[in-house]
Each structure stands twice: as structure tokens, then as C-alpha cells.
Amino acid sequence: MILLIVTILFIVFMERALRKILINYPKRQMGNKMYGGESSHLPLKINTAGVIPPIFASSLLLLPITFVSFNAGTGPEWLNTLSQYLSRGHPVYLTVYTAMIVFFAFFYTAIVFNPKDTADNLKKYGGFIPGIRPGENTAKYLDYILTRLTVLGSIYLSFVCLLPELLISKYKVPFYFGGTSLLIVVSVTMDTVTQIQSYLLAHQYEGLIRKSNLRRR
């Protein structure tokens, strides 16, 4: 129970971790007024891919395992050997599982976040990163940061997914939640809490607007 609680807290910490990149906007004069001159942040999550890499990895790895299990014992010798290698807890299974998680973490992150499009949008609206020239240099800088974050995110996903496998296979610990299941449960719970908070905040602002309208009347 202590290990499960610590793992959940670690997942929550990593899922909420952000790398904030400072974005500045220059001042612009329109008529007699000055606009702009503000600063904001571009938030980049450590785990941009979310729970997609473990889901894809476990699903694709389950296909050959299922095929081998149907023919295990009756098929050729190499098929039985492959069945042993792909059994849960075997070093080959864990190695292939980790490699697929890392691959899909980079693959899905590249689909979700495009540094070049982000850099073009910043340049279009006059935003820039301090010390970095707009355009191609900004895209390279964002890609550099995103790559480093994805490395950390893939290591985090691999650790969370391999921990239950090792506890069950090597140490016979009754860890009833798989890594993928634990990630999905925690992520869905966090998204639900965030949506509830957003709804309550919007409802609170709506009540304040109504009160101000009544006072004006």
C-alpha cells in the first residue's frame, strides 16, 4: 500500500510538471495608446505524449504473445522458445517493452507538438524568446528543449510501467495494478478534477458578473 501511494504521488508530480518558456511581446503604438509589452509563458509538459506510448506498446506486444500462446506446445521448437522469451518478466520482454515505450513517446510527441508551427505563430504575433532570434532559431530551440523533456518523459513512463512487472515476476509482490492501468486511472482522475475546478471557477465568475449587473441596475 505504501509503494502504491508513493507511485501514485510520483505519477501526479510528473504529470503536472511543466517547463515554462518565457515569451515576450514588444510594445506597439496605436494612435495615442501603447499596446503590448507583456510577457507570458509557453508551458511544455515533461510527458507530452501522455498514456499513449504504454497503451500502444502493450497492445502491439500483445499481438505476437497471443499468437505464440495459441501455438505453444504444439508448434515448432523455435515458437516455444519465442513464447518463453516473450513471457512477462523475461528480460527480452522487458527490453522490447521499454524500447517500444521510448519510440512511441518520441513519435507521438512529434505528432502533438510541432516546434516549427509554434515558432511561426510566435513570429506572426510578435512574440519572441529572450536571447533567441524568431523563426528557425526559435524552432530549433523549442525542438532542443522538447527532445530533452521527452527523454525524461520516456524514462518516467518506462519506470512506471516496468515497476509492477518486476514486482510481480521477480519478487512475487501482489501489485494488482499494471503500470498502464495506473497511468490511465491517475490521468483520468486529474483531468476530471481539472474540469471540475474550471467549471466551478467559471460558475463563480458568472455569479460575480450577475451581481455587478444587478448593482448597476
Protein backbone atom coordinates (compact mmCIF):
# COMPACT_ATOMS: atom_id res chain seq x y z
CA MET A 1 0.00 0.00 0.00
CA ILE A 2 2.84 2.41 0.80
CA LEU A 3 4.54 1.60 -2.51
CA LEU A 4 1.26 2.12 -4.37
CA ILE A 5 0.67 5.51 -2.72
CA VAL A 6 4.26 6.62 -3.42
CA THR A 7 3.90 5.54 -7.07
CA ILE A 8 0.64 7.48 -7.46
CA LEU A 9 2.20 10.60 -5.94
CA PHE A 10 5.17 10.26 -8.29
CA ILE A 11 2.84 9.97 -11.30
CA VAL A 12 0.87 13.04 -10.21
CA PHE A 13 4.10 15.01 -9.75
CA MET A 14 5.44 14.06 -13.17
CA GLU A 15 2.13 14.63 -14.97
CA ARG A 16 1.83 18.15 -13.53
CA ALA A 17 5.49 19.04 -14.14
CA LEU A 18 5.98 21.83 -16.70
CA ARG A 19 8.88 23.57 -18.37
CA LYS A 20 7.81 27.20 -18.77
CA ILE A 21 9.50 29.11 -21.58
CA LEU A 22 9.36 32.88 -21.25
CA ILE A 23 7.72 34.68 -24.19
CA ASN A 24 7.96 38.46 -24.57
CA TYR A 25 5.79 40.66 -26.77
CA PRO A 26 7.07 44.09 -27.92
CA LYS A 27 5.20 47.31 -27.35
CA ARG A 28 3.19 48.73 -30.24
CA GLN A 29 1.71 52.18 -30.52
CA MET A 30 -1.76 52.50 -32.00
CA GLY A 31 -2.90 56.10 -32.03
CA ASN A 32 -2.14 57.68 -28.69
CA LYS A 33 -2.06 54.39 -26.77
CA MET A 34 0.65 51.79 -26.27
CA TYR A 35 -0.27 48.14 -26.56
CA GLY A 36 1.72 45.00 -25.84
CA GLY A 37 4.91 44.87 -23.85
CA GLU A 38 3.60 41.85 -21.97
CA SER A 39 5.23 38.59 -21.02
CA SER A 40 3.75 35.12 -20.94
CA HIS A 41 4.93 31.54 -20.70
CA LEU A 42 4.82 28.65 -23.13
CA PRO A 43 4.21 25.55 -20.97
CA LEU A 44 5.78 22.28 -22.12
CA LYS A 45 4.91 19.13 -20.22
CA ILE A 46 7.57 16.59 -19.38
CA ASN A 47 5.22 13.86 -20.52
CA THR A 48 3.71 15.40 -23.63
CA ALA A 49 2.64 12.03 -25.05
CA GLY A 50 0.50 11.12 -22.01
CA VAL A 51 -0.55 7.47 -21.68
CA ILE A 52 -0.46 6.76 -25.43
CA PRO A 53 3.06 5.19 -25.54
CA PRO A 54 2.36 2.48 -22.91
CA ILE A 55 -1.02 1.70 -24.50
CA PHE A 56 0.45 1.33 -28.00
CA ALA A 57 3.46 -0.63 -26.72
CA SER A 58 1.42 -3.09 -24.66
CA SER A 59 -1.14 -3.52 -27.44
CA LEU A 60 1.42 -4.24 -30.18
CA LEU A 61 3.41 -6.51 -27.88
CA LEU A 62 0.26 -8.42 -27.00
CA LEU A 63 -0.33 -9.47 -30.63
CA PRO A 64 2.71 -11.75 -31.03
CA ILE A 65 2.30 -13.01 -27.47
CA THR A 66 -1.29 -14.03 -28.20
CA PHE A 67 -0.31 -15.69 -31.48
CA VAL A 68 2.53 -17.59 -29.82
CA SER A 69 0.33 -18.69 -26.91
CA PHE A 70 -2.19 -20.26 -29.33
CA ASN A 71 0.51 -22.44 -30.87
CA ALA A 72 2.69 -23.01 -27.78
CA GLY A 73 3.40 -26.66 -27.08
CA THR A 74 2.14 -27.87 -30.47
CA GLY A 75 4.22 -25.77 -32.82
CA PRO A 76 7.91 -25.94 -33.70
CA GLU A 77 10.65 -25.59 -31.13
CA TRP A 78 11.55 -22.03 -32.11
CA LEU A 79 7.95 -20.99 -31.41
CA ASN A 80 8.14 -22.41 -27.89
CA THR A 81 11.45 -20.59 -27.36
CA LEU A 82 9.87 -17.34 -28.57
CA SER A 83 6.98 -17.93 -26.17
CA GLN A 84 9.42 -18.15 -23.27
CA TYR A 85 11.26 -15.01 -24.35
CA LEU A 86 8.01 -13.04 -24.62
CA SER A 87 6.67 -14.19 -21.27
CA ARG A 88 6.03 -11.44 -18.74
CA GLY A 89 9.03 -10.67 -16.60
CA HIS A 90 11.59 -12.08 -19.05
CA PRO A 91 14.47 -9.68 -19.84
CA VAL A 92 13.70 -9.84 -23.59
CA TYR A 93 10.06 -8.91 -22.96
CA LEU A 94 11.06 -6.04 -20.67
CA THR A 95 13.67 -4.77 -23.15
CA VAL A 96 11.27 -4.79 -26.11
CA TYR A 97 8.53 -3.20 -23.98
CA THR A 98 10.85 -0.38 -22.88
CA ALA A 99 12.12 0.23 -26.42
CA MET A 100 8.56 0.49 -27.76
CA ILE A 101 7.55 2.92 -24.98
CA VAL A 102 10.52 5.18 -25.78
CA PHE A 103 9.80 5.02 -29.53
CA PHE A 104 6.12 5.87 -29.18
CA ALA A 105 6.90 8.65 -26.68
CA PHE A 106 9.04 10.43 -29.29
CA PHE A 107 6.70 9.52 -32.15
CA TYR A 108 3.53 10.82 -30.51
CA THR A 109 5.24 13.93 -29.14
CA ALA A 110 6.37 14.80 -32.68
CA ILE A 111 2.76 14.48 -33.84
CA VAL A 112 1.23 16.51 -31.00
CA PHE A 113 3.73 19.38 -30.85
CA ASN A 114 5.34 20.96 -33.93
CA PRO A 115 8.14 23.39 -32.98
CA LYS A 116 8.19 25.00 -36.44
CA ASP A 117 4.47 25.85 -36.36
CA THR A 118 4.80 27.21 -32.83
CA ALA A 119 7.78 29.36 -33.83
CA ASP A 120 5.90 30.68 -36.88
CA ASN A 121 2.88 31.59 -34.74
CA LEU A 122 5.07 33.41 -32.24
CA LYS A 123 6.75 35.34 -35.05
CA LYS A 124 3.38 36.16 -36.59
CA TYR A 125 2.07 37.75 -33.38
CA GLY A 126 5.36 39.43 -32.49
CA GLY A 127 6.34 37.10 -29.66
CA PHE A 128 9.93 36.04 -29.09
CA ILE A 129 12.05 34.10 -26.62
CA PRO A 130 14.65 36.32 -24.92
CA GLY A 131 18.07 35.68 -26.43
CA ILE A 132 16.69 33.60 -29.33
CA ARG A 133 16.04 35.03 -32.80
CA PRO A 134 12.49 34.49 -34.13
CA GLY A 135 11.83 31.95 -36.84
CA GLU A 136 14.13 29.00 -37.49
CA ASN A 137 16.33 29.58 -34.41
CA THR A 138 13.25 29.56 -32.18
CA ALA A 139 12.08 26.30 -33.78
CA LYS A 140 15.48 24.69 -33.16
CA TYR A 141 15.49 25.91 -29.55
CA LEU A 142 11.98 24.54 -28.91
CA ASP A 143 12.90 21.24 -30.56
CA TYR A 144 16.03 21.01 -28.37
CA ILE A 145 14.04 21.57 -25.18
CA LEU A 146 11.25 19.23 -26.27
CA THR A 147 13.76 16.45 -27.02
CA ARG A 148 15.28 16.71 -23.56
CA LEU A 149 11.84 16.71 -21.95
CA THR A 150 10.77 13.70 -24.00
CA VAL A 151 13.85 11.78 -22.84
CA LEU A 152 12.82 12.40 -19.23
CA GLY A 153 9.20 11.58 -20.03
CA SER A 154 10.08 8.28 -21.71
CA ILE A 155 12.28 7.27 -18.75
CA TYR A 156 9.43 8.12 -16.38
CA LEU A 157 6.90 6.09 -18.42
CA SER A 158 9.27 3.13 -18.66
CA PHE A 159 9.90 3.17 -14.91
CA VAL A 160 6.20 3.29 -14.03
CA CYS A 161 5.33 0.52 -16.49
CA LEU A 162 8.24 -1.78 -15.59
CA LEU A 163 7.93 -1.44 -11.81
CA PRO A 164 4.78 -3.60 -11.49
CA GLU A 165 6.22 -6.17 -13.93
CA LEU A 166 9.36 -6.53 -11.85
CA LEU A 167 7.48 -6.65 -8.57
CA ILE A 168 5.13 -9.36 -9.82
CA SER A 169 7.62 -11.53 -11.72
CA LYS A 170 10.79 -11.22 -9.65
CA TYR A 171 9.63 -10.53 -6.11
CA LYS A 172 6.10 -12.02 -6.14
CA VAL A 173 4.66 -8.81 -4.74
CA PRO A 174 0.82 -8.71 -5.09
CA PHE A 175 0.81 -5.49 -7.12
CA TYR A 176 -2.63 -5.70 -8.72
CA PHE A 177 -2.35 -2.53 -10.82
CA GLY A 178 -0.34 -2.61 -14.01
CA GLY A 179 1.71 0.41 -14.97
CA THR A 180 -0.54 1.32 -17.89
CA SER A 181 -3.70 0.92 -15.79
CA LEU A 182 -2.23 3.07 -13.03
CA LEU A 183 -1.27 5.81 -15.51
CA ILE A 184 -4.75 5.81 -17.06
CA VAL A 185 -6.55 5.92 -13.70
CA VAL A 186 -4.39 8.77 -12.35
CA SER A 187 -4.51 10.78 -15.61
CA VAL A 188 -8.28 10.47 -15.94
CA THR A 189 -8.75 11.44 -12.29
CA MET A 190 -6.53 14.50 -12.71
CA ASP A 191 -8.37 15.58 -15.88
CA THR A 192 -11.71 15.17 -14.10
CA VAL A 193 -10.56 17.28 -11.16
CA THR A 194 -9.24 19.96 -13.54
CA GLN A 195 -12.54 20.10 -15.42
CA ILE A 196 -14.49 20.36 -12.17
CA GLN A 197 -12.24 23.21 -10.99
CA SER A 198 -12.68 25.00 -14.34
CA TYR A 199 -16.45 24.62 -14.13
CA LEU A 200 -16.57 25.93 -10.55
CA LEU A 201 -14.32 28.87 -11.47
CA ALA A 202 -16.47 29.74 -14.50
CA HIS A 203 -19.62 29.45 -12.36
CA GLN A 204 -18.06 31.74 -9.75
CA TYR A 205 -17.18 34.37 -12.37
CA GLU A 206 -20.69 34.10 -13.79
CA GLY A 207 -22.15 34.79 -10.35
CA LEU A 208 -19.88 37.82 -9.88
CA ILE A 209 -20.92 39.23 -13.28
CA ARG A 210 -24.59 38.84 -12.37
CA LYS A 211 -24.06 40.61 -9.05
CA SER A 212 -22.25 43.51 -10.75
CA ASN A 213 -25.06 43.86 -13.30
CA LEU A 214 -27.66 43.95 -10.51
CA ARG A 215 -25.71 46.62 -8.67
CA ARG A 216 -25.50 48.78 -11.80
CA ARG A 217 -29.24 48.48 -12.27
